[in-house]
Each structure stands twice: as structure tokens, then as C-alpha cells.
Protein backbone atom coordinates (compact mmCIF):
# COMPACT_ATOMS: atom_id res chain seq x y z
CA UNK A 1 -20.52 -21.57 9.33
CA UNK A 2 -22.38 -19.47 6.80
CA UNK A 3 -25.66 -16.94 7.65
CA UNK A 4 -28.34 -17.41 5.28
CA UNK A 5 -29.51 -13.57 4.88
CA UNK A 6 -31.58 -12.26 1.80
CA UNK A 7 -31.37 -12.93 -1.57
CA UNK A 8 -28.35 -10.96 -2.59
CA UNK A 9 -28.15 -6.91 -4.12
CA UNK A 10 -26.12 -4.60 -4.37
CA UNK A 11 -27.13 -0.77 -4.85
CA UNK A 12 -24.54 2.02 -5.83
CA UNK A 13 -26.03 6.22 -6.53
CA UNK A 14 -23.39 6.80 -8.88
CA UNK A 15 -24.72 11.13 -8.48
CA UNK A 16 -24.65 10.96 -5.00
CA UNK A 17 -20.61 11.46 -3.97
CA UNK A 18 -20.29 10.38 -0.13
CA UNK A 19 -16.78 11.74 0.15
CA UNK A 20 -12.76 11.61 -1.18
CA UNK A 21 -10.35 8.87 -2.18
CA UNK A 22 -6.42 9.73 -2.26
CA UNK A 23 -4.88 8.40 -4.32
CA UNK A 24 -2.18 8.41 -2.59
CA UNK A 25 -3.57 5.07 -0.25
CA UNK A 26 -2.21 3.08 -3.31
CA UNK A 27 1.18 3.30 -2.22
CA UNK A 28 4.54 1.06 -1.96
CA UNK A 29 7.16 0.35 -0.33
CA UNK A 30 11.32 -0.61 -1.21
CA UNK A 31 13.53 -1.19 1.37
CA UNK A 32 16.97 -2.30 1.78
CA UNK A 33 16.03 -5.90 2.87
CA UNK A 34 16.42 -9.26 0.85
CA UNK A 35 15.77 -8.68 -3.24
CA UNK A 36 14.16 -5.83 -3.23
CA UNK A 37 16.30 -3.00 -4.13
CA UNK A 38 19.73 -5.00 -5.15
CA UNK A 39 18.61 -7.67 -8.21
CA UNK A 40 14.96 -6.51 -7.62
CA UNK A 41 14.51 -2.63 -8.88
CA UNK A 42 17.99 -2.63 -9.76
CA UNK A 43 19.65 -4.91 -11.58
CA UNK A 44 23.08 -7.12 -9.96
CA UNK A 45 26.18 -5.86 -11.49
CA UNK A 46 26.97 -7.93 -15.14
CA UNK A 47 23.33 -8.54 -16.20
CA UNK A 48 22.57 -8.72 -19.32
CA UNK A 49 19.05 -7.61 -18.96
CA UNK A 50 18.35 -4.30 -20.30
CA UNK A 51 18.33 -1.61 -17.99
CA UNK A 52 17.70 2.15 -17.68
CA UNK A 53 20.77 3.57 -15.49
CA UNK A 54 21.40 -0.15 -13.35
CA UNK A 55 17.18 -0.12 -13.09
CA UNK A 56 15.84 -3.14 -14.67
CA UNK A 57 13.44 -2.32 -17.37
CA UNK A 58 11.03 -5.22 -16.66
CA UNK A 59 10.92 -4.21 -13.43
CA UNK A 60 10.34 -0.39 -14.10
CA UNK A 61 6.88 -1.48 -17.12
CA UNK A 62 5.38 -3.06 -14.47
CA UNK A 63 5.95 -0.15 -11.83
CA UNK A 64 4.86 2.09 -14.07
CA UNK A 65 1.52 -0.04 -15.23
CA UNK A 66 0.79 0.08 -11.44
CA UNK A 67 0.52 3.86 -11.77
CA UNK A 68 2.28 4.29 -8.50
CA UNK A 69 1.05 7.76 -6.47
CA UNK A 70 3.98 7.15 -3.82
CA UNK A 71 7.11 5.11 -2.82
CA UNK A 72 8.23 4.60 0.85
CA UNK A 73 12.34 4.19 1.45
CA UNK A 74 14.47 3.64 2.57
CA UNK A 75 12.69 1.17 5.64
CA UNK A 76 11.19 -0.22 7.33
CA UNK A 77 14.03 -0.87 9.87
CA UNK A 78 16.79 -0.16 7.52
CA UNK A 79 16.37 3.53 8.17
CA UNK A 80 16.85 3.25 11.82
CA UNK A 81 20.67 2.40 11.50
CA UNK A 82 20.62 4.74 7.88
CA UNK A 83 23.03 7.68 7.12
CA UNK A 84 22.01 9.29 4.49
CA UNK A 85 25.18 11.31 3.49
CA UNK A 86 26.51 7.33 3.09
CA UNK A 87 24.53 7.44 -0.11
CA UNK A 88 25.13 10.04 -2.41
CA UNK A 89 28.71 11.27 -4.29
CA UNK A 90 30.68 9.38 -6.86
CA UNK A 91 29.42 5.29 -5.78
CA UNK A 92 32.81 4.22 -6.25
CA UNK A 93 33.42 6.54 -3.12
CA UNK A 94 30.61 5.74 -0.74
CA UNK A 95 31.42 3.58 1.85
CA UNK A 96 30.18 0.12 2.69
CA UNK A 97 28.05 -0.26 5.93
CA UNK A 98 27.02 -2.94 8.18
CA UNK A 99 23.24 -3.13 8.57
CA UNK A 100 22.70 -3.59 11.95
CA UNK A 101 18.76 -4.48 11.81
CA UNK A 102 19.04 -7.01 9.05
CA UNK A 103 22.94 -7.94 9.28
CA UNK A 104 24.17 -7.86 6.33
CA UNK A 105 26.64 -5.66 3.91
CA UNK A 106 24.57 -2.05 3.08
CA UNK A 107 26.98 -0.85 -0.28
CA UNK A 108 25.76 1.99 -0.81
CA UNK A 109 25.11 1.77 -4.26
CA UNK A 110 21.37 2.97 -4.23
CA UNK A 111 21.08 6.27 -2.36
CA UNK A 112 18.77 9.53 -2.64
CA UNK A 113 19.29 10.17 -6.09
CA UNK A 114 18.83 6.97 -7.49
CA UNK A 115 15.61 6.56 -5.54
CA UNK A 116 13.92 9.95 -6.88
CA UNK A 117 15.49 8.75 -10.23
CA UNK A 118 13.44 5.70 -10.12
CA UNK A 119 10.07 7.52 -8.62
CA UNK A 120 10.15 10.24 -11.50
CA UNK A 121 10.39 7.18 -13.85
CA UNK A 122 7.97 5.46 -12.36
CA UNK A 123 5.67 8.14 -11.54
CA UNK A 124 5.49 8.37 -7.60
CA UNK A 125 5.83 11.06 -5.24
CA UNK A 126 9.18 9.77 -2.92
CA UNK A 127 8.03 9.16 0.58
CA UNK A 128 11.38 9.38 2.88
CA UNK A 129 11.82 8.00 5.96
CA UNK A 130 14.37 9.23 9.03
CA UNK A 131 16.66 8.01 11.07
CA UNK A 132 15.22 8.78 14.45
CA UNK A 133 16.59 5.37 16.31
CA UNK A 134 20.29 6.25 15.93
CA UNK A 135 20.35 10.11 13.93
CA UNK A 136 19.75 13.07 14.89
CA UNK A 137 17.18 16.39 14.31
CA UNK A 138 20.16 17.86 12.53
CA UNK A 139 21.21 15.26 10.50
CA UNK A 140 17.25 14.66 9.10
CA UNK A 141 17.15 18.90 8.64
CA UNK A 142 20.35 18.52 6.31
CA UNK A 143 18.46 15.82 4.75
CA UNK A 144 15.91 17.62 3.84
CA UNK A 145 17.55 20.82 2.92
CA UNK A 146 19.88 18.92 0.15
CA UNK A 147 16.80 17.67 -1.17
CA UNK A 148 14.13 20.25 -1.52
CA UNK A 149 16.72 23.63 -1.36
CA UNK A 150 17.56 25.68 -4.52
CA UNK A 151 20.94 25.19 -6.04
CA UNK A 152 21.85 28.71 -4.69
CA UNK A 153 22.53 27.79 -1.34
CA UNK A 154 25.30 25.25 0.25
CA UNK A 155 23.08 22.57 0.42
CA UNK A 156 21.41 22.70 -3.23
CA UNK A 157 24.44 23.40 -4.44
CA UNK A 158 26.09 20.46 -3.03
CA UNK A 159 23.23 18.32 -4.44
CA UNK A 160 24.04 19.52 -7.92
CA UNK A 161 27.58 18.98 -7.67
CA UNK A 162 26.10 15.01 -7.15
CA UNK A 163 23.71 15.59 -10.51
CA UNK A 164 20.98 17.17 -9.73
CA UNK A 165 20.56 20.69 -9.79
CA UNK A 166 16.93 21.01 -9.20
CA UNK A 167 15.24 20.17 -5.71
CA UNK A 168 14.20 16.76 -5.62
CA UNK A 169 10.95 18.30 -3.90
CA UNK A 170 9.81 15.48 -1.45
CA UNK A 171 7.38 16.38 0.66
CA UNK A 172 6.55 13.46 2.56
CA UNK A 173 8.74 12.41 5.53
CA UNK A 174 8.31 9.67 7.94
CA UNK A 175 9.55 10.61 11.38
CA UNK A 176 10.83 7.08 12.37
CA UNK A 177 10.42 3.64 12.44
CA UNK A 178 8.69 0.97 14.93
CA UNK A 179 9.86 2.69 17.65
CA UNK A 180 7.95 0.53 19.48
CA UNK A 181 10.13 -0.52 22.51
CA UNK A 182 11.36 3.16 23.14
CA UNK A 183 7.70 3.64 24.49
CA UNK A 184 4.78 6.50 22.67
CA UNK A 185 5.89 8.93 25.37
CA UNK A 186 9.67 8.88 23.91
CA UNK A 187 9.06 8.58 20.63
CA UNK A 188 6.49 11.66 20.65
CA UNK A 189 9.09 13.75 21.94
CA UNK A 190 11.49 13.05 20.05
CA UNK A 191 8.76 13.15 17.23
CA UNK A 192 8.84 17.06 18.13
CA UNK A 193 12.54 17.69 17.97
CA UNK A 194 12.38 16.36 14.64
CA UNK A 195 9.58 18.20 13.03
CA UNK A 196 10.82 21.73 14.51
CA UNK A 197 14.16 20.62 12.77
CA UNK A 198 12.92 19.70 9.83
CA UNK A 199 9.97 22.05 9.33
CA UNK A 200 12.64 24.83 9.72
CA UNK A 201 14.68 23.45 6.82
CA UNK A 202 11.62 23.45 4.82
CA UNK A 203 8.15 24.68 6.20
CA UNK A 204 6.04 22.88 3.67
CA UNK A 205 7.38 19.08 4.70
CA UNK A 206 4.73 16.78 5.73
CA UNK A 207 5.27 14.76 8.30
CA UNK A 208 4.42 10.99 9.19
CA UNK A 209 4.61 10.01 12.82
CA UNK A 210 4.39 6.46 14.24
CA UNK A 211 1.65 4.62 15.02
CA UNK A 212 1.33 1.53 17.18
CA UNK A 213 1.87 -2.35 15.77
CA UNK A 214 -2.01 -3.41 14.86
CA UNK A 215 -4.89 -1.17 16.95
CA UNK A 216 -3.12 -0.31 20.31
CA UNK A 217 -5.00 2.63 22.27
CA UNK A 218 -2.49 3.48 24.48
CA UNK A 219 0.42 3.91 21.79
CA UNK A 220 -2.10 6.28 19.32
CA UNK A 221 -3.38 8.38 22.56
CA UNK A 222 -0.35 9.45 23.65
CA UNK A 223 1.12 10.46 20.09
CA UNK A 224 -1.79 12.59 19.25
CA UNK A 225 -1.65 13.88 22.95
CA UNK A 226 2.04 14.90 22.46
CA UNK A 227 2.10 15.43 19.16
CA UNK A 228 -1.31 15.72 17.80
CA UNK A 229 -0.64 19.57 16.59
CA UNK A 230 2.29 19.01 14.85
CA UNK A 231 1.99 15.64 13.03
CA UNK A 232 0.86 15.71 9.25
CA UNK A 233 0.01 11.68 9.28
CA UNK A 234 -0.19 9.28 11.94
CA UNK A 235 1.30 5.99 10.80
CA UNK A 236 -0.30 2.38 12.22
CA UNK A 237 1.32 -0.90 10.96
CA UNK A 238 -0.38 -3.89 10.34
CA UNK A 239 0.66 -6.86 8.48
CA UNK A 240 -1.96 -10.42 8.84
CA UNK A 241 -2.32 -13.29 7.09
CA UNK A 242 -3.19 -17.04 7.77
CA UNK A 243 -0.23 -19.88 7.52
CA UNK A 244 -2.15 -22.92 7.87
CA UNK A 245 -3.39 -22.80 4.08
CA UNK A 246 -4.73 -26.57 3.50
CA UNK A 247 -8.10 -27.04 2.59
CA UNK A 248 -7.56 -30.93 4.07
CA UNK A 249 -7.56 -28.95 7.35
CA UNK A 250 -11.29 -27.20 6.52
CA UNK A 251 -12.28 -24.77 4.95
CA UNK A 252 -11.92 -22.62 7.71
CA UNK A 253 -8.54 -21.84 6.70
CA UNK A 254 -8.91 -20.48 3.90
CA UNK A 255 -11.59 -17.91 5.28
CA UNK A 256 -9.77 -16.80 8.04
CA UNK A 257 -7.01 -15.69 5.58
CA UNK A 258 -9.35 -13.31 3.54
CA UNK A 259 -11.04 -12.41 6.63
CA UNK A 260 -7.64 -10.69 7.50
CA UNK A 261 -8.71 -7.60 5.67
CA UNK A 262 -11.26 -7.13 8.31
CA UNK A 263 -8.77 -7.42 10.80
CA UNK A 264 -6.47 -4.74 8.79
CA UNK A 265 -9.56 -2.56 8.50
CA UNK A 266 -10.28 -2.60 11.95
CA UNK A 267 -6.62 -0.89 13.03
CA UNK A 268 -7.33 1.68 10.81
CA UNK A 269 -11.20 2.42 11.37
CA UNK A 270 -10.11 2.73 15.37
CA UNK A 271 -7.20 4.72 14.41
CA UNK A 272 -9.40 7.53 12.24
CA UNK A 273 -12.40 7.34 15.23
CA UNK A 274 -8.89 8.54 18.00
CA UNK A 275 -8.52 11.37 15.25
CA UNK A 276 -12.32 12.43 14.99
CA UNK A 277 -12.24 12.20 18.64
CA UNK A 278 -9.07 14.05 19.47
CA UNK A 279 -7.82 16.03 16.54
CA UNK A 280 -11.67 17.25 15.38
CA UNK A 281 -10.78 20.47 14.82
CA UNK A 282 -7.93 19.60 12.50
CA UNK A 283 -9.37 16.97 9.92
CA UNK A 284 -6.71 17.08 7.47
CA UNK A 285 -4.88 14.97 9.57
CA UNK A 286 -4.64 11.30 8.00
CA UNK A 287 -3.84 7.57 8.99
CA UNK A 288 -0.70 6.71 6.83
CA UNK A 289 -0.77 2.77 6.93
CA UNK A 290 2.66 2.77 5.05
CA UNK A 291 3.30 -0.70 6.15
CA UNK A 292 0.64 -3.43 5.66
CA UNK A 293 0.57 -6.54 4.02
CA UNK A 294 0.27 -10.38 4.46
CA UNK A 295 3.00 -11.61 5.95
CA UNK A 296 3.22 -15.36 6.76
CA UNK A 297 6.47 -16.59 5.48
CA UNK A 298 9.84 -15.83 7.45
CA UNK A 299 12.36 -17.24 4.53
CA UNK A 300 15.86 -15.78 3.82
CA UNK A 301 15.53 -12.27 2.55
CA UNK A 302 12.12 -12.50 3.47
CA UNK A 303 11.46 -13.91 -0.17
CA UNK A 304 7.61 -14.62 0.16
CA UNK A 305 4.86 -14.93 -2.82
CA UNK A 306 1.17 -14.07 -2.59
CA UNK A 307 -2.05 -16.57 -4.11
CA UNK A 308 -5.11 -15.49 -5.19
CA UNK A 309 -6.99 -15.54 -1.53
CA UNK A 310 -4.39 -12.70 -0.81
CA UNK A 311 -4.75 -11.06 -3.53
CA UNK A 312 -8.61 -10.61 -2.00
CA UNK A 313 -7.43 -8.99 0.75
CA UNK A 314 -6.16 -6.20 -0.47
CA UNK A 315 -8.62 -5.89 -2.09
CA UNK A 316 -11.26 -5.81 0.61
CA UNK A 317 -8.46 -3.46 2.68
CA UNK A 318 -8.92 -1.41 -0.68
CA UNK A 319 -13.06 -1.10 -0.16
CA UNK A 320 -11.92 -0.79 3.94
CA UNK A 321 -9.79 2.25 2.92
CA UNK A 322 -12.20 4.12 0.36
CA UNK A 323 -15.09 3.45 3.38
CA UNK A 324 -12.56 4.96 5.50
CA UNK A 325 -11.27 7.66 2.97
CA UNK A 326 -12.05 11.08 5.27
CA UNK A 327 -9.23 9.94 7.51
CA UNK A 328 -7.49 6.88 5.47
CA UNK A 329 -5.29 9.32 2.64
CA UNK A 330 -1.88 7.14 2.34
CA UNK A 331 -0.88 3.47 2.06
CA UNK A 332 2.23 1.79 1.35
CA UNK A 333 1.88 -1.89 0.98
CA UNK A 334 4.91 -3.58 1.91
CA UNK A 335 6.76 -4.54 -0.37
CA UNK A 336 7.19 -3.70 -3.77
CA UNK A 337 9.78 -6.53 -5.24
CA UNK A 338 10.52 -9.53 -3.93
CA UNK A 339 10.87 -9.04 -0.13
CA UNK A 340 7.17 -9.64 0.43
CA UNK A 341 7.17 -8.73 -2.91
CA UNK A 342 3.96 -8.14 -5.04
CA UNK A 343 6.61 -8.17 -8.21
CA UNK A 344 8.69 -11.33 -8.34
CA UNK A 345 11.88 -12.05 -10.20
CA UNK A 346 15.22 -13.89 -10.79
CA UNK A 347 18.37 -13.33 -12.37
CA UNK A 348 16.08 -13.17 -15.82
CA UNK A 349 12.48 -13.35 -15.66
CA UNK A 350 9.90 -11.59 -13.49
CA UNK A 351 6.30 -12.48 -13.15
CA UNK A 352 3.64 -10.71 -11.05
CA UNK A 353 1.56 -12.14 -7.95
CA UNK A 354 -1.93 -11.91 -7.12
CA UNK A 355 -1.89 -8.68 -5.12
CA UNK A 356 0.00 -7.05 -8.17
CA UNK A 357 -3.19 -7.71 -10.15
CA UNK A 358 -5.40 -6.12 -7.68
CA UNK A 359 -3.36 -3.00 -7.28
CA UNK A 360 -3.33 -2.35 -11.15
CA UNK A 361 -7.24 -2.59 -11.18
CA UNK A 362 -8.05 -0.27 -8.07
CA UNK A 363 -5.06 1.84 -9.29
CA UNK A 364 -6.67 2.40 -12.98
CA UNK A 365 -10.53 1.74 -12.74
CA UNK A 366 -11.07 3.52 -9.67
CA UNK A 367 -12.63 6.66 -9.23
CA UNK A 368 -11.23 9.74 -6.87
CA UNK A 369 -14.64 10.07 -4.91
CA UNK A 370 -16.80 7.76 -3.22
CA UNK A 371 -20.68 7.42 -4.02
CA UNK A 372 -23.83 6.17 -2.27
CA UNK A 373 -23.60 2.43 -1.91
CA UNK A 374 -24.57 -0.92 -0.17
CA UNK A 375 -25.02 -4.55 -0.26
CA UNK A 376 -26.95 -6.97 0.79
CA UNK A 377 -25.49 -10.83 1.35
CA UNK A 378 -25.53 -13.97 3.25
CA UNK A 379 -22.46 -13.50 6.23
CA UNK A 380 -19.40 -16.31 7.40
CA UNK A 381 -17.86 -17.10 10.66
CA UNK A 382 -14.38 -18.08 11.13
CA UNK A 383 -14.21 -21.11 13.40
CA UNK A 384 -12.97 -19.72 16.49
CA UNK A 385 -11.02 -22.49 17.08
CA UNK A 386 -8.75 -20.97 14.24
CA UNK A 387 -9.10 -17.39 14.29
CA UNK A 388 -11.03 -15.86 17.52
CA UNK A 389 -13.90 -12.76 16.54
CA UNK A 390 -14.27 -12.76 12.79
CA UNK A 391 -17.79 -13.54 12.99
CA UNK A 392 -20.52 -12.18 10.36
CA UNK A 393 -18.79 -11.23 7.64
CA UNK A 394 -20.23 -10.34 4.24
CA UNK A 395 -19.37 -12.91 1.32
CA UNK A 396 -19.44 -9.64 -1.00
CA UNK A 397 -17.25 -6.49 -0.03
CA UNK A 398 -18.20 -3.83 -2.14
CA UNK A 399 -16.98 0.04 -3.15
CA UNK A 400 -18.34 2.41 -5.56
CA UNK A 401 -16.43 5.10 -6.74
CA UNK A 402 -16.21 7.85 -9.86
CA UNK A 403 -14.25 10.20 -11.46
CA UNK A 404 -14.68 13.96 -10.27
CA UNK A 405 -16.63 14.64 -13.38
CA UNK A 406 -18.81 11.61 -13.26
CA UNK A 407 -17.39 10.23 -16.93
CA UNK A 408 -16.18 6.82 -15.34
CA UNK A 409 -18.07 4.90 -12.68
CA UNK A 410 -16.44 1.59 -10.74
CA UNK A 411 -17.94 -1.33 -8.47
CA UNK A 412 -15.25 -3.40 -7.31
CA UNK A 413 -16.58 -6.80 -5.73
CA UNK A 414 -14.76 -9.25 -3.77
CA UNK A 415 -16.77 -12.72 -3.80
CA UNK A 416 -15.05 -13.80 -0.63
CA UNK A 417 -17.63 -17.32 -0.65
CA UNK A 418 -14.72 -20.54 -0.96
CA UNK A 419 -17.04 -22.19 -3.96
CA UNK A 420 -19.93 -20.79 -5.07
CA UNK A 421 -20.45 -17.82 -7.61
CA UNK A 422 -23.56 -15.68 -6.11
CA UNK A 423 -25.87 -14.11 -8.27
CA UNK A 424 -26.62 -10.52 -7.53
CA UNK A 425 -29.15 -8.06 -7.91
CA UNK A 426 -27.68 -4.81 -9.16
CA UNK A 427 -29.47 -1.24 -8.67
CA UNK A 428 -27.00 1.06 -10.34
CA UNK A 429 -28.05 4.29 -10.52
CA UNK A 430 -26.40 7.82 -12.00
CA UNK A 431 -24.22 5.82 -14.25
CA UNK A 432 -23.83 8.05 -17.88
CA UNK A 433 -25.69 7.86 -20.94
CA UNK A 434 -24.56 5.54 -23.77
CA UNK A 435 -21.45 4.31 -21.18
CA UNK A 436 -19.17 1.36 -22.41
CA UNK A 437 -19.49 -0.99 -20.03
CA UNK A 438 -16.01 -3.31 -19.64
CA UNK A 439 -16.24 -6.06 -16.49
CA UNK A 440 -12.53 -7.33 -14.54
CA UNK A 441 -12.11 -10.12 -13.14
CA UNK A 442 -9.52 -11.52 -11.24
CA UNK A 443 -9.68 -14.79 -10.57
CA UNK A 444 -8.28 -18.44 -11.12
CA UNK A 445 -8.85 -21.84 -10.57
CA UNK A 446 -7.99 -22.51 -6.90
CA UNK A 447 -8.09 -20.46 -4.07
CA UNK A 448 -4.91 -20.70 -3.56
CA UNK A 449 -3.40 -20.73 -6.82
CA UNK A 450 -0.46 -18.63 -7.17
CA UNK A 451 2.12 -17.37 -10.61
CA UNK A 452 5.48 -17.97 -9.97
CA UNK A 453 8.59 -17.77 -12.73
CA UNK A 454 7.97 -21.04 -14.31
CA UNK A 455 3.90 -20.54 -14.43
CA UNK A 456 3.37 -16.36 -14.00
CA UNK A 457 -0.46 -16.62 -15.61
CA UNK A 458 -2.23 -19.03 -13.15
CA UNK A 459 -4.07 -16.26 -11.73
CA UNK A 460 -4.71 -13.88 -14.08
CA UNK A 461 -7.20 -11.15 -15.07
CA UNK A 462 -10.19 -11.52 -17.80
CA UNK A 463 -11.75 -9.09 -19.68
CA UNK A 464 -15.31 -8.25 -21.33
CA UNK A 465 -17.49 -6.19 -22.79
CA UNK A 466 -21.16 -6.24 -21.88
CA UNK A 467 -24.11 -4.26 -24.37
CA UNK A 468 -25.35 -2.75 -21.07
CA UNK A 469 -25.52 -1.77 -17.65
CA UNK A 470 -26.19 -5.18 -16.36
CA UNK A 471 -29.58 -5.63 -13.67
CA UNK A 472 -28.15 -8.71 -12.28
CA UNK A 473 -24.38 -10.31 -12.55
CA UNK A 474 -23.00 -14.19 -11.08
CA UNK A 475 -20.32 -12.87 -9.06
CA UNK A 476 -17.26 -16.49 -9.19
CA UNK A 477 -16.40 -17.61 -6.50
CA UNK A 478 -12.75 -16.71 -4.90
CA UNK A 479 -12.84 -13.62 -7.40
CA UNK A 480 -12.23 -9.62 -7.58
CA UNK A 481 -14.87 -8.20 -10.49
CA UNK A 482 -14.16 -4.59 -11.47
CA UNK A 483 -17.02 -2.94 -13.47
CA UNK A 484 -16.15 0.01 -15.45
CA UNK A 485 -18.93 2.31 -16.73
CA UNK A 486 -17.05 4.91 -18.49
CA UNK A 487 -18.08 7.65 -21.71
CA UNK A 488 -14.26 7.97 -22.26
């Protein structure tokens, strides 16, 4: 159901800064699962593809284009049974293990050195998840020392002997992953034990505590009561999406999927509000949504493609992160390649999904400062018999940002309407004089259009130059539009 409200208008004052946006919200995740690591980022043995230290060059170039701020590794659930010493030293001497979580062999060809090398090649900061389920605080602290100690120490000398004399300077560490079955109290106590050991190894380490699946107040409140003075982030996970994607069943099935962003934002908002309530004296503590995304298929290896509507979910979720930027300071889409991946490969080819395109637009064009903005437009309800509690959602979802010097301003607009372009009045002030105006539009013929290895360009980004900052603009149906106004 649609609700008619008023003539659409968007306003943004780029001179009025209302918050700072941490680029770590555009982070990624690479787990030893499916074809993400082996055959995704790292080439299979015997490949004829161009590689760099066994990393696929085609994938490297695509990841570099995302300007990734951070990448989380080695899991995920894989980290709950991973012992880091299996993945160092000469590759031919590393042991094969059985991955008890995902029920597969693990050759340990990719370990700490390889992952840090990958991060350096794409310009990302490593986020490393330690084993809290089957590991020990001593093991985690030894990993921290191995990564960060100078070569003059025993741990640093060991790292140097394995090929890297200089410290890796890994500062972001996930303490555990999805330990919900252990209970919040036990998980929080384990966090404290690991925190003590890891901080002794490196006092500058930033530690991420396990949050709830979606929004679970009791879990998060307990974690903050027990460990709130020690943690640097709390990490809820939120996968969403609507599987019934058939317009023949009604347009409500499309709206059920794009509304997933509102559910993801609700988890972030409630977690941020709890931090404000319980840790008002620690404004630096952040929400790290370190697993999020659309997950509706459960195929072998979680091979999962994304369509245009999923890209709109990612874009609207970014707008939500901008709105909540005082607390939401890190996030990691699950995942990067093949396994729930925004990049898809086979033995010889690669293509990108609409989620990848949304990431590229936001990471490249949105600035680090949020500015005053508002939108008025019609709204929609998701039919109650499909997904409940999703009512009064605006068709237009926006974010307005600028760079700290004010020389680049960006207006990101998601039109979630299935069929209608929306002609909108724009009142944009504080834009630099003589700014060049470029419009970047992600769209496709159909709301469920997707890219495949056989048809990689169905969903694309179209660019056009405007002569001046527009007073009105028609935002196409089921689209993401980023208007960039820049003097550079």
C-alpha cells in the first residue's frame, strides 16, 4: 500500500555538518568458506590466469576499486576452530586440518602472512578474529605478539624468519564470533579473559565483542554490563532479505526485500541507543556490524548472487549508517568473493554484483562528514501477510555528505518505488561555487535484474554531467543515484 503525503522534495545544507562518518563502515569480510579464499581471491593451483603471489589479478583490481577500509578474516564461524600457528611457516610444511564447522578439509595455504599481504595490496586494514570457542587467551595473545612485536623480540623474530621482518600492526581484533549458544554472561567473561591477555600483548589493540543476532536486548545489555568498560566495539550480526522474489505473486515481494534495509538499520539504531544509555561516558565505543548483508540462498558453498533490489538494500543501509554515525563506526558485508560474494568468479571469469556497485559508489563519492538534510515523499507498507511491522517507509531514502574541506559534496538517493520515477524538488545549499556536477546512477531494466558471468553488464552505473546544481531531478524507479558536486 502506498501513502500519498506531499510533493516530493529534498533539502541539504552542505555548510551545516551534523556528524563524522567513519570509513570503516565500508568494510568487507573474507572467510574460509565456499569459494571465497581458494579459487576466489587466491587462484587454484595450475591456473593460467595472471596472478600476484597466487592472488588473482582480476579480483585484486576489483577489490582495489572499492577502496576497502578494512577486511575481516579468517571468519566467521571458521575462526571458532582455527588455530593460527597452522597457517604460518613454509606452505609445504603446514598441516592439513578438518574444518569442523563447515565440514571440509583446510589446507592452510592461506594464513596470516598471506592475508596481511592481500590487505596491503588492496589498501585495507586487517580485522582478525581470534578463536574463543576452542582456543585460549594465551593462544590469542601469542597471535597478537606475532603480528605486532618488533623483530628484536622472540615473537617478532619468528615472524621475520617466516618472511616479514616488519610488524603487521594489526590493531582491530574480533574476540570471538557468534557465541550465542554459550550465553551472554559466559561470552562476556571470555571476552574479559581474552582482553586482559591481548591488551598485555599490545595495549593499542582495539577489541570487538560479540553482539546479538539481529536485535536482542538481553544479550547486548549483559555484554555491556560485564565488559562495557573494556570493549572498543560491540558487534551485532544481521542478515536479511526476502526469498520470495516473484512479481507474479505481487509487488509486495519486491518491497519486502528492499525493506530489509530498514530492519538492518533498526538493529544498528537500537544497539547505538543502548550504548548511549549504558556507556554515555565512553562515546568512542562503536557498533561494528561485522557481518551483515542479504542471505536468502543456502546452496553448496553459499554461492549466492545478488540482484538490483539487493544493491538498493545495501545503499539504504549505508544511508542508515550515516544517520547513526555517532556510534556505528565499522561494518563488514558478508562476503567479498563467491561465498555470499559481491564479486563472482569461475576458473577464468569474474563479474560484479549490484551490491559491489553500491559499495563502489558510496566508498568513492560519499564524504566523511554528514550534513543537515531532509526528505519529504510518499511512503509504502509491506503487506502484513508477507512481512509484518514494515509500514510508512519512504520511497526516497537519502544521505548528504561532504569532504572535510567542503570541496566535494554528495547527495545519495535511493528510489525504492517499483514502477515510478519520482520528480523531486532539490534545495541544495552550501555547494562550492562553480562546482562540477556529475550524476552516477545504478539501475537496470528490472528490479530483480542481476549480473552473471555470462551477462556481466545487466546492472550498470551510468554517468552524466550537468551544467549546474539542479533545482529538480527525476529519480528513476528502483535506482540508486549519487549526485557529486565537486571543485576537484
